[in-house]
N, C-alpha and C. Protein backbone atom coordinates (compact mmCIF):
# COMPACT_ATOMS: atom_id res chain seq x y z
N MET A 1 23.99 21.59 -7.68
CA MET A 1 22.86 21.31 -6.83
C MET A 1 23.37 20.79 -5.48
N ASP A 2 22.69 21.16 -4.43
CA ASP A 2 23.08 20.78 -3.08
C ASP A 2 22.91 19.28 -2.89
N SER A 3 23.94 18.63 -2.35
CA SER A 3 23.87 17.18 -2.17
C SER A 3 22.90 16.78 -1.05
N ALA A 4 22.55 17.72 -0.17
CA ALA A 4 21.62 17.40 0.91
C ALA A 4 20.17 17.43 0.43
N ALA A 5 19.91 18.06 -0.70
CA ALA A 5 18.53 18.18 -1.20
C ALA A 5 17.88 16.83 -1.47
N PRO A 6 18.54 15.89 -2.17
CA PRO A 6 17.89 14.59 -2.39
C PRO A 6 17.63 13.84 -1.08
N LEU A 7 18.54 13.95 -0.13
CA LEU A 7 18.36 13.27 1.15
C LEU A 7 17.20 13.90 1.93
N THR A 8 17.10 15.21 1.87
CA THR A 8 15.99 15.90 2.54
C THR A 8 14.66 15.50 1.91
N ARG A 9 14.61 15.46 0.59
CA ARG A 9 13.38 15.05 -0.10
C ARG A 9 13.03 13.61 0.26
N LEU A 10 14.03 12.75 0.34
CA LEU A 10 13.78 11.36 0.70
C LEU A 10 13.09 11.26 2.05
N TRP A 11 13.61 11.95 3.05
CA TRP A 11 13.02 11.87 4.38
C TRP A 11 11.69 12.60 4.46
N LEU A 12 11.52 13.66 3.69
CA LEU A 12 10.21 14.33 3.63
C LEU A 12 9.14 13.41 3.04
N MET A 13 9.51 12.68 2.01
CA MET A 13 8.54 11.79 1.38
C MET A 13 8.25 10.58 2.27
N ARG A 14 9.25 10.12 3.01
CA ARG A 14 8.99 9.04 3.97
C ARG A 14 8.03 9.52 5.05
N ALA A 15 8.21 10.75 5.50
CA ALA A 15 7.29 11.32 6.49
C ALA A 15 5.91 11.54 5.88
N ALA A 16 5.88 11.93 4.61
CA ALA A 16 4.59 12.13 3.92
C ALA A 16 3.82 10.82 3.82
N TYR A 17 4.52 9.72 3.55
CA TYR A 17 3.86 8.42 3.49
C TYR A 17 3.20 8.10 4.83
N PHE A 18 3.97 8.25 5.90
CA PHE A 18 3.41 7.93 7.21
C PHE A 18 2.30 8.91 7.57
N GLY A 19 2.43 10.17 7.17
CA GLY A 19 1.37 11.15 7.41
C GLY A 19 0.10 10.79 6.66
N LEU A 20 0.23 10.35 5.42
CA LEU A 20 -0.95 9.92 4.66
C LEU A 20 -1.62 8.71 5.31
N VAL A 21 -0.81 7.80 5.82
CA VAL A 21 -1.37 6.64 6.52
C VAL A 21 -2.16 7.11 7.74
N LEU A 22 -1.64 8.07 8.47
CA LEU A 22 -2.35 8.58 9.64
C LEU A 22 -3.65 9.28 9.25
N VAL A 23 -3.65 10.01 8.15
CA VAL A 23 -4.87 10.67 7.68
C VAL A 23 -5.91 9.62 7.28
N ILE A 24 -5.49 8.60 6.57
CA ILE A 24 -6.41 7.53 6.18
C ILE A 24 -6.97 6.84 7.42
N LEU A 25 -6.11 6.58 8.39
CA LEU A 25 -6.56 5.96 9.64
C LEU A 25 -7.57 6.85 10.36
N PHE A 26 -7.32 8.14 10.38
CA PHE A 26 -8.24 9.07 11.02
C PHE A 26 -9.63 8.96 10.42
N PHE A 27 -9.71 8.93 9.10
CA PHE A 27 -11.02 8.85 8.45
C PHE A 27 -11.67 7.47 8.62
N HIS A 28 -10.85 6.44 8.76
CA HIS A 28 -11.41 5.10 9.05
C HIS A 28 -12.04 5.05 10.43
N LEU A 29 -11.45 5.78 11.35
CA LEU A 29 -11.90 5.73 12.74
C LEU A 29 -13.05 6.68 13.06
N LEU A 30 -13.33 7.62 12.15
CA LEU A 30 -14.45 8.54 12.38
C LEU A 30 -15.76 7.77 12.38
N PRO A 31 -16.62 8.03 13.34
CA PRO A 31 -17.91 7.32 13.39
C PRO A 31 -18.94 7.97 12.46
N LEU A 32 -18.71 7.88 11.16
CA LEU A 32 -19.63 8.50 10.20
C LEU A 32 -20.87 7.66 9.96
N ASP A 33 -20.74 6.36 10.10
CA ASP A 33 -21.87 5.47 9.83
C ASP A 33 -21.88 4.39 10.90
N THR A 34 -22.98 4.31 11.65
CA THR A 34 -23.04 3.33 12.73
C THR A 34 -23.77 2.05 12.34
N VAL A 35 -24.27 2.00 11.11
CA VAL A 35 -24.97 0.82 10.62
C VAL A 35 -23.94 -0.11 9.97
N PRO A 36 -24.01 -1.41 10.22
CA PRO A 36 -23.07 -2.33 9.57
C PRO A 36 -23.15 -2.21 8.04
N ARG A 37 -22.00 -2.32 7.42
CA ARG A 37 -21.92 -2.14 5.97
C ARG A 37 -22.17 -3.46 5.23
N ARG A 38 -22.73 -3.31 4.03
CA ARG A 38 -22.89 -4.48 3.16
C ARG A 38 -21.71 -4.63 2.21
N ILE A 39 -21.08 -3.50 1.91
CA ILE A 39 -19.87 -3.52 1.09
C ILE A 39 -18.78 -2.75 1.83
N ALA A 40 -17.56 -3.13 1.59
CA ALA A 40 -16.44 -2.51 2.28
C ALA A 40 -15.77 -1.49 1.35
N PRO A 41 -15.28 -0.40 1.91
CA PRO A 41 -14.57 0.58 1.08
C PRO A 41 -13.19 0.05 0.69
N PRO A 42 -12.54 0.70 -0.25
CA PRO A 42 -11.20 0.23 -0.66
C PRO A 42 -10.19 0.40 0.47
N ASP A 43 -9.19 -0.43 0.45
CA ASP A 43 -8.10 -0.33 1.41
C ASP A 43 -7.04 0.59 0.80
N LEU A 44 -7.13 1.85 1.15
CA LEU A 44 -6.22 2.83 0.57
C LEU A 44 -4.79 2.67 1.07
N PHE A 45 -4.61 2.00 2.23
CA PHE A 45 -3.25 1.70 2.71
C PHE A 45 -2.51 0.86 1.68
N GLU A 46 -3.17 -0.21 1.26
CA GLU A 46 -2.55 -1.12 0.28
C GLU A 46 -2.26 -0.39 -1.02
N ALA A 47 -3.25 0.30 -1.53
CA ALA A 47 -3.09 0.97 -2.83
C ALA A 47 -1.96 1.99 -2.77
N LEU A 48 -1.92 2.79 -1.71
CA LEU A 48 -0.87 3.79 -1.55
C LEU A 48 0.50 3.13 -1.43
N THR A 49 0.58 2.10 -0.62
CA THR A 49 1.86 1.41 -0.42
C THR A 49 2.37 0.80 -1.72
N PHE A 50 1.50 0.11 -2.43
CA PHE A 50 1.93 -0.54 -3.67
C PHE A 50 2.29 0.47 -4.75
N ALA A 51 1.54 1.55 -4.84
CA ALA A 51 1.85 2.58 -5.84
C ALA A 51 3.22 3.19 -5.57
N TRP A 52 3.50 3.49 -4.31
CA TRP A 52 4.78 4.09 -3.98
C TRP A 52 5.92 3.10 -4.09
N VAL A 53 5.70 1.84 -3.74
CA VAL A 53 6.75 0.84 -3.84
C VAL A 53 7.17 0.65 -5.30
N LEU A 54 6.22 0.70 -6.21
CA LEU A 54 6.56 0.50 -7.62
C LEU A 54 7.16 1.75 -8.26
N ARG A 55 6.85 2.93 -7.72
CA ARG A 55 7.37 4.15 -8.30
C ARG A 55 8.65 4.62 -7.62
N ARG A 56 8.65 4.68 -6.34
CA ARG A 56 9.82 5.13 -5.59
C ARG A 56 10.00 4.26 -4.36
N PRO A 57 10.58 3.08 -4.53
CA PRO A 57 10.74 2.16 -3.40
C PRO A 57 11.56 2.74 -2.25
N ASP A 58 12.41 3.72 -2.54
CA ASP A 58 13.20 4.32 -1.47
C ASP A 58 12.34 5.17 -0.53
N TYR A 59 11.15 5.56 -0.94
CA TYR A 59 10.26 6.36 -0.09
C TYR A 59 9.54 5.49 0.95
N VAL A 60 9.42 4.21 0.69
CA VAL A 60 8.68 3.32 1.61
C VAL A 60 9.53 2.10 1.96
N PRO A 61 10.46 2.27 2.91
CA PRO A 61 11.25 1.12 3.32
C PRO A 61 10.37 0.10 4.05
N PRO A 62 10.81 -1.15 4.08
CA PRO A 62 9.99 -2.19 4.71
C PRO A 62 9.60 -1.89 6.16
N LEU A 63 10.48 -1.28 6.91
CA LEU A 63 10.16 -0.97 8.31
C LEU A 63 9.01 0.03 8.40
N SER A 64 8.95 1.00 7.49
CA SER A 64 7.84 1.97 7.48
C SER A 64 6.52 1.27 7.15
N ILE A 65 6.57 0.38 6.18
CA ILE A 65 5.36 -0.36 5.81
C ILE A 65 4.88 -1.20 6.99
N ALA A 66 5.81 -1.92 7.61
CA ALA A 66 5.44 -2.78 8.73
C ALA A 66 4.87 -1.96 9.89
N ALA A 67 5.50 -0.84 10.21
CA ALA A 67 5.02 -0.01 11.32
C ALA A 67 3.65 0.58 11.02
N ALA A 68 3.47 1.09 9.80
CA ALA A 68 2.19 1.69 9.44
C ALA A 68 1.07 0.66 9.43
N MET A 69 1.33 -0.50 8.88
CA MET A 69 0.29 -1.53 8.81
C MET A 69 0.00 -2.15 10.18
N LEU A 70 1.04 -2.27 11.01
CA LEU A 70 0.80 -2.78 12.36
C LEU A 70 -0.05 -1.79 13.16
N LEU A 71 0.23 -0.51 13.01
CA LEU A 71 -0.59 0.51 13.66
C LEU A 71 -2.04 0.41 13.18
N ALA A 72 -2.22 0.22 11.88
CA ALA A 72 -3.57 0.07 11.33
C ALA A 72 -4.24 -1.18 11.88
N ASP A 73 -3.50 -2.28 11.96
CA ASP A 73 -4.07 -3.51 12.54
C ASP A 73 -4.56 -3.27 13.96
N LEU A 74 -3.76 -2.61 14.75
CA LEU A 74 -4.11 -2.38 16.15
C LEU A 74 -5.31 -1.44 16.28
N LEU A 75 -5.30 -0.34 15.54
CA LEU A 75 -6.38 0.64 15.66
C LEU A 75 -7.68 0.17 15.03
N LEU A 76 -7.61 -0.63 13.99
CA LEU A 76 -8.81 -1.11 13.32
C LEU A 76 -9.28 -2.46 13.85
N GLN A 77 -8.64 -2.93 14.91
CA GLN A 77 -9.01 -4.16 15.60
C GLN A 77 -8.98 -5.39 14.70
N ARG A 78 -7.94 -5.45 13.89
CA ARG A 78 -7.71 -6.64 13.09
C ARG A 78 -6.70 -7.50 13.84
N PRO A 79 -6.54 -8.76 13.47
CA PRO A 79 -5.53 -9.59 14.13
C PRO A 79 -4.16 -8.91 14.02
N PRO A 80 -3.54 -8.60 15.15
CA PRO A 80 -2.29 -7.83 15.13
C PRO A 80 -1.19 -8.50 14.32
N GLY A 81 -0.73 -7.80 13.33
CA GLY A 81 0.40 -8.25 12.53
C GLY A 81 0.05 -9.08 11.32
N LEU A 82 -1.15 -9.62 11.25
CA LEU A 82 -1.48 -10.51 10.13
C LEU A 82 -1.59 -9.74 8.81
N THR A 83 -2.40 -8.70 8.80
CA THR A 83 -2.52 -7.90 7.58
C THR A 83 -1.21 -7.16 7.31
N ALA A 84 -0.54 -6.72 8.38
CA ALA A 84 0.75 -6.05 8.21
C ALA A 84 1.74 -6.96 7.51
N LEU A 85 1.79 -8.21 7.93
CA LEU A 85 2.70 -9.17 7.30
C LEU A 85 2.31 -9.43 5.85
N ALA A 86 1.02 -9.60 5.60
CA ALA A 86 0.57 -9.88 4.23
C ALA A 86 0.87 -8.71 3.30
N VAL A 87 0.61 -7.49 3.75
CA VAL A 87 0.90 -6.31 2.91
C VAL A 87 2.40 -6.15 2.72
N LEU A 88 3.18 -6.39 3.78
CA LEU A 88 4.64 -6.30 3.65
C LEU A 88 5.17 -7.33 2.66
N LEU A 89 4.65 -8.56 2.71
CA LEU A 89 5.07 -9.58 1.74
C LEU A 89 4.69 -9.17 0.32
N GLY A 90 3.48 -8.63 0.16
CA GLY A 90 3.06 -8.16 -1.15
C GLY A 90 3.92 -7.02 -1.65
N ALA A 91 4.23 -6.09 -0.77
CA ALA A 91 5.06 -4.94 -1.16
C ALA A 91 6.47 -5.39 -1.55
N GLU A 92 7.02 -6.33 -0.80
CA GLU A 92 8.37 -6.80 -1.13
C GLU A 92 8.37 -7.62 -2.42
N PHE A 93 7.30 -8.35 -2.68
CA PHE A 93 7.17 -9.05 -3.95
C PHE A 93 7.18 -8.03 -5.10
N LEU A 94 6.39 -6.96 -4.95
CA LEU A 94 6.35 -5.92 -5.99
C LEU A 94 7.66 -5.17 -6.09
N ARG A 95 8.31 -4.91 -4.96
CA ARG A 95 9.59 -4.20 -4.97
C ARG A 95 10.63 -4.99 -5.77
N ALA A 96 10.62 -6.31 -5.60
CA ALA A 96 11.59 -7.16 -6.32
C ALA A 96 11.31 -7.16 -7.82
N ARG A 97 10.05 -7.01 -8.21
CA ARG A 97 9.70 -7.03 -9.62
C ARG A 97 9.60 -5.64 -10.23
N GLY A 98 9.72 -4.62 -9.42
CA GLY A 98 9.59 -3.24 -9.87
C GLY A 98 10.51 -2.86 -11.02
N PRO A 99 11.82 -3.15 -10.91
CA PRO A 99 12.71 -2.76 -12.01
C PRO A 99 12.34 -3.41 -13.34
N GLY A 100 11.88 -4.64 -13.32
CA GLY A 100 11.48 -5.31 -14.55
C GLY A 100 10.17 -4.80 -15.11
N MET A 101 9.36 -4.18 -14.26
CA MET A 101 8.06 -3.67 -14.70
C MET A 101 8.12 -2.23 -15.17
N ARG A 102 9.28 -1.60 -15.08
CA ARG A 102 9.39 -0.18 -15.46
C ARG A 102 9.11 0.05 -16.94
N ASP A 103 9.44 -0.93 -17.77
CA ASP A 103 9.24 -0.76 -19.21
C ASP A 103 7.88 -1.23 -19.68
N THR A 104 7.13 -1.89 -18.82
CA THR A 104 5.81 -2.37 -19.21
C THR A 104 4.79 -1.25 -19.04
N GLY A 105 3.66 -1.43 -19.60
CA GLY A 105 2.60 -0.42 -19.50
C GLY A 105 1.88 -0.48 -18.16
N PHE A 106 1.04 0.52 -17.95
CA PHE A 106 0.32 0.59 -16.68
C PHE A 106 -0.67 -0.56 -16.53
N LEU A 107 -1.26 -1.03 -17.62
CA LEU A 107 -2.22 -2.13 -17.51
C LEU A 107 -1.58 -3.39 -16.95
N PHE A 108 -0.36 -3.69 -17.37
CA PHE A 108 0.34 -4.85 -16.83
C PHE A 108 0.64 -4.65 -15.35
N GLU A 109 1.09 -3.44 -14.99
CA GLU A 109 1.35 -3.13 -13.59
C GLU A 109 0.07 -3.31 -12.76
N TRP A 110 -1.03 -2.80 -13.27
CA TRP A 110 -2.31 -2.88 -12.58
C TRP A 110 -2.72 -4.34 -12.39
N LEU A 111 -2.49 -5.16 -13.41
CA LEU A 111 -2.81 -6.58 -13.32
C LEU A 111 -1.98 -7.27 -12.24
N VAL A 112 -0.70 -7.01 -12.21
CA VAL A 112 0.17 -7.63 -11.20
C VAL A 112 -0.23 -7.17 -9.80
N VAL A 113 -0.48 -5.87 -9.65
CA VAL A 113 -0.91 -5.34 -8.34
C VAL A 113 -2.25 -5.95 -7.95
N ALA A 114 -3.15 -6.10 -8.90
CA ALA A 114 -4.46 -6.70 -8.60
C ALA A 114 -4.30 -8.14 -8.11
N LEU A 115 -3.40 -8.89 -8.71
CA LEU A 115 -3.16 -10.26 -8.26
C LEU A 115 -2.60 -10.28 -6.84
N VAL A 116 -1.71 -9.36 -6.54
CA VAL A 116 -1.17 -9.27 -5.18
C VAL A 116 -2.28 -8.86 -4.21
N MET A 117 -3.12 -7.92 -4.63
CA MET A 117 -4.23 -7.47 -3.77
C MET A 117 -5.24 -8.58 -3.53
N LEU A 118 -5.38 -9.49 -4.46
CA LEU A 118 -6.26 -10.65 -4.26
C LEU A 118 -5.60 -11.73 -3.40
N ALA A 119 -4.27 -11.82 -3.47
CA ALA A 119 -3.56 -12.82 -2.68
C ALA A 119 -3.57 -12.47 -1.19
N ILE A 120 -3.60 -11.19 -0.87
CA ILE A 120 -3.55 -10.77 0.54
C ILE A 120 -4.76 -11.29 1.33
N PRO A 121 -6.01 -11.06 0.87
CA PRO A 121 -7.12 -11.61 1.65
C PRO A 121 -7.15 -13.14 1.65
N VAL A 122 -6.67 -13.77 0.59
CA VAL A 122 -6.61 -15.24 0.58
C VAL A 122 -5.65 -15.71 1.67
N LEU A 123 -4.47 -15.10 1.73
CA LEU A 123 -3.49 -15.48 2.75
C LEU A 123 -4.04 -15.24 4.16
N THR A 124 -4.64 -14.10 4.38
CA THR A 124 -5.15 -13.80 5.72
C THR A 124 -6.30 -14.73 6.10
N ARG A 125 -7.16 -15.05 5.14
CA ARG A 125 -8.28 -15.96 5.44
C ARG A 125 -7.79 -17.38 5.73
N VAL A 126 -6.77 -17.82 5.02
CA VAL A 126 -6.21 -19.15 5.28
C VAL A 126 -5.62 -19.20 6.68
N VAL A 127 -4.82 -18.19 7.04
CA VAL A 127 -4.21 -18.17 8.37
C VAL A 127 -5.28 -18.08 9.45
N MET A 128 -6.28 -17.24 9.24
CA MET A 128 -7.35 -17.11 10.24
C MET A 128 -8.17 -18.39 10.31
N GLY A 129 -8.37 -19.05 9.18
CA GLY A 129 -9.09 -20.32 9.18
C GLY A 129 -8.33 -21.40 9.92
N LEU A 130 -7.01 -21.45 9.74
CA LEU A 130 -6.19 -22.44 10.43
C LEU A 130 -6.16 -22.19 11.94
N SER A 131 -6.28 -20.93 12.32
CA SER A 131 -6.27 -20.62 13.76
C SER A 131 -7.69 -20.56 14.34
N LEU A 132 -8.68 -20.91 13.52
CA LEU A 132 -10.09 -20.94 13.94
C LEU A 132 -10.57 -19.60 14.48
N THR A 133 -10.12 -18.51 13.85
CA THR A 133 -10.52 -17.16 14.22
C THR A 133 -11.77 -16.79 13.44
N VAL A 134 -12.65 -16.04 14.08
CA VAL A 134 -13.86 -15.57 13.42
C VAL A 134 -13.44 -14.61 12.29
N GLN A 135 -14.04 -14.80 11.11
CA GLN A 135 -13.66 -14.00 9.94
C GLN A 135 -14.80 -13.12 9.48
N SER A 136 -14.43 -12.10 8.75
CA SER A 136 -15.43 -11.24 8.12
C SER A 136 -16.15 -12.02 7.04
N PRO A 137 -17.39 -11.61 6.71
CA PRO A 137 -18.09 -12.29 5.62
C PRO A 137 -17.29 -12.17 4.31
N LEU A 138 -17.35 -13.21 3.52
CA LEU A 138 -16.60 -13.24 2.26
C LEU A 138 -17.01 -12.10 1.34
N SER A 139 -18.28 -11.70 1.36
CA SER A 139 -18.74 -10.60 0.50
C SER A 139 -18.02 -9.30 0.85
N LEU A 140 -17.77 -9.05 2.13
CA LEU A 140 -17.04 -7.84 2.53
C LEU A 140 -15.59 -7.91 2.07
N VAL A 141 -14.99 -9.06 2.22
CA VAL A 141 -13.59 -9.23 1.83
C VAL A 141 -13.43 -9.04 0.32
N LEU A 142 -14.34 -9.63 -0.45
CA LEU A 142 -14.26 -9.50 -1.91
C LEU A 142 -14.57 -8.09 -2.38
N SER A 143 -15.52 -7.42 -1.72
CA SER A 143 -15.83 -6.04 -2.12
C SER A 143 -14.65 -5.12 -1.80
N ARG A 144 -14.01 -5.34 -0.67
CA ARG A 144 -12.83 -4.53 -0.31
C ARG A 144 -11.72 -4.74 -1.34
N ALA A 145 -11.45 -5.97 -1.70
CA ALA A 145 -10.40 -6.25 -2.68
C ALA A 145 -10.76 -5.65 -4.03
N GLY A 146 -12.00 -5.81 -4.45
CA GLY A 146 -12.42 -5.26 -5.74
C GLY A 146 -12.34 -3.75 -5.79
N PHE A 147 -12.81 -3.09 -4.75
CA PHE A 147 -12.77 -1.63 -4.72
C PHE A 147 -11.34 -1.11 -4.59
N THR A 148 -10.49 -1.87 -3.91
CA THR A 148 -9.08 -1.47 -3.80
C THR A 148 -8.41 -1.55 -5.17
N ILE A 149 -8.72 -2.61 -5.91
CA ILE A 149 -8.16 -2.75 -7.26
C ILE A 149 -8.65 -1.60 -8.15
N LEU A 150 -9.92 -1.26 -8.04
CA LEU A 150 -10.45 -0.15 -8.84
C LEU A 150 -9.88 1.20 -8.41
N ALA A 151 -9.55 1.35 -7.14
CA ALA A 151 -9.02 2.62 -6.64
C ALA A 151 -7.54 2.80 -6.95
N TYR A 152 -6.85 1.73 -7.26
CA TYR A 152 -5.40 1.81 -7.48
C TYR A 152 -5.01 2.86 -8.53
N PRO A 153 -5.64 2.90 -9.71
CA PRO A 153 -5.24 3.93 -10.68
C PRO A 153 -5.47 5.36 -10.16
N LEU A 154 -6.50 5.56 -9.37
CA LEU A 154 -6.75 6.87 -8.80
C LEU A 154 -5.68 7.26 -7.78
N VAL A 155 -5.25 6.29 -6.99
CA VAL A 155 -4.18 6.55 -6.02
C VAL A 155 -2.88 6.85 -6.74
N VAL A 156 -2.60 6.12 -7.81
CA VAL A 156 -1.39 6.38 -8.59
C VAL A 156 -1.44 7.79 -9.18
N ALA A 157 -2.57 8.15 -9.77
CA ALA A 157 -2.71 9.48 -10.37
C ALA A 157 -2.58 10.58 -9.33
N ALA A 158 -3.21 10.39 -8.17
CA ALA A 158 -3.12 11.40 -7.11
C ALA A 158 -1.70 11.51 -6.57
N SER A 159 -1.03 10.39 -6.43
CA SER A 159 0.36 10.41 -5.94
C SER A 159 1.26 11.16 -6.92
N GLN A 160 1.05 10.94 -8.20
CA GLN A 160 1.87 11.61 -9.19
C GLN A 160 1.54 13.10 -9.29
N ALA A 161 0.25 13.42 -9.32
CA ALA A 161 -0.16 14.81 -9.52
C ALA A 161 0.08 15.68 -8.28
N LEU A 162 -0.23 15.16 -7.11
CA LEU A 162 -0.18 15.97 -5.90
C LEU A 162 1.16 15.93 -5.18
N LEU A 163 1.83 14.77 -5.22
CA LEU A 163 3.07 14.62 -4.47
C LEU A 163 4.30 14.39 -5.33
N GLY A 164 4.11 14.23 -6.61
CA GLY A 164 5.25 14.03 -7.50
C GLY A 164 5.92 12.67 -7.35
N VAL A 165 5.17 11.67 -6.90
CA VAL A 165 5.73 10.33 -6.75
C VAL A 165 5.57 9.61 -8.08
N ARG A 166 6.62 9.67 -8.86
CA ARG A 166 6.60 9.01 -10.17
C ARG A 166 7.94 8.35 -10.40
N ARG A 167 7.92 7.45 -11.33
CA ARG A 167 9.18 6.78 -11.67
C ARG A 167 10.14 7.81 -12.26
N PRO A 168 11.40 7.72 -11.88
CA PRO A 168 12.36 8.63 -12.49
C PRO A 168 12.54 8.31 -13.97
N ALA A 169 12.78 9.33 -14.74
CA ALA A 169 13.02 9.13 -16.17
C ALA A 169 14.33 8.37 -16.35
N PRO A 170 14.39 7.50 -17.36
CA PRO A 170 15.65 6.78 -17.60
C PRO A 170 16.79 7.76 -17.85
N GLY A 171 17.90 7.53 -17.18
CA GLY A 171 19.06 8.39 -17.37
C GLY A 171 18.99 9.70 -16.62
N SER A 172 18.01 9.86 -15.72
CA SER A 172 17.89 11.14 -15.00
C SER A 172 18.90 11.27 -13.89
N GLY A 173 19.55 10.16 -13.53
CA GLY A 173 20.56 10.23 -12.48
C GLY A 173 19.99 9.97 -11.09
N GLU A 174 18.67 9.88 -10.97
CA GLU A 174 18.08 9.61 -9.66
C GLU A 174 18.25 8.13 -9.37
N GLN A 175 18.63 7.84 -8.15
CA GLN A 175 18.79 6.46 -7.76
C GLN A 175 17.53 6.01 -7.04
N VAL A 176 17.01 4.90 -7.47
CA VAL A 176 15.78 4.37 -6.89
C VAL A 176 16.11 3.05 -6.22
N GLY A 177 15.51 2.84 -5.07
CA GLY A 177 15.65 1.57 -4.41
C GLY A 177 16.71 1.54 -3.34
N LEU A 178 17.40 2.64 -3.13
CA LEU A 178 18.39 2.67 -2.06
C LEU A 178 17.69 2.68 -0.72
N ARG A 179 18.26 2.01 0.22
CA ARG A 179 17.69 2.00 1.57
C ARG A 179 18.62 2.78 2.47
N ALA A 180 18.06 3.81 3.06
CA ALA A 180 18.89 4.62 3.97
C ALA A 180 18.33 4.53 5.36
């Protein structure tokens, strides 16, 4: 097998991650509904990032996560860098625990990811509260976190079925977690 093939796939998947982020951003920015919402849709950035970090951490290096989330912060008019930092911290927490979670079932993974997804809005609200910044209503924040947690299994399934982002089989020889 050609030794350049794994490297090419690595960079293609890194580009695919950023491309998916851009597609999600595009749909967030479309003016489909001009009436203020009572519930917030799931944050597919978080779900996609966490699913890929736990399955193939080499596809989403920290710099890609930070750049994608900072772009989202700027375009969605959130405090610049705050959500990006919170998601990056969550992703790195999951990346560090990823190898230990490979043998556990999906329900345990989902629980850990859900706890991280709940910690992100808590962290951002605390920081925004300390800086006396106007915050979104708590109902919107909780609905976004809840729907993101519910969407996580769908994002994992879509990533595996459509893009082949799955954990390598034990002993397959694929190296996971390398940073290039």
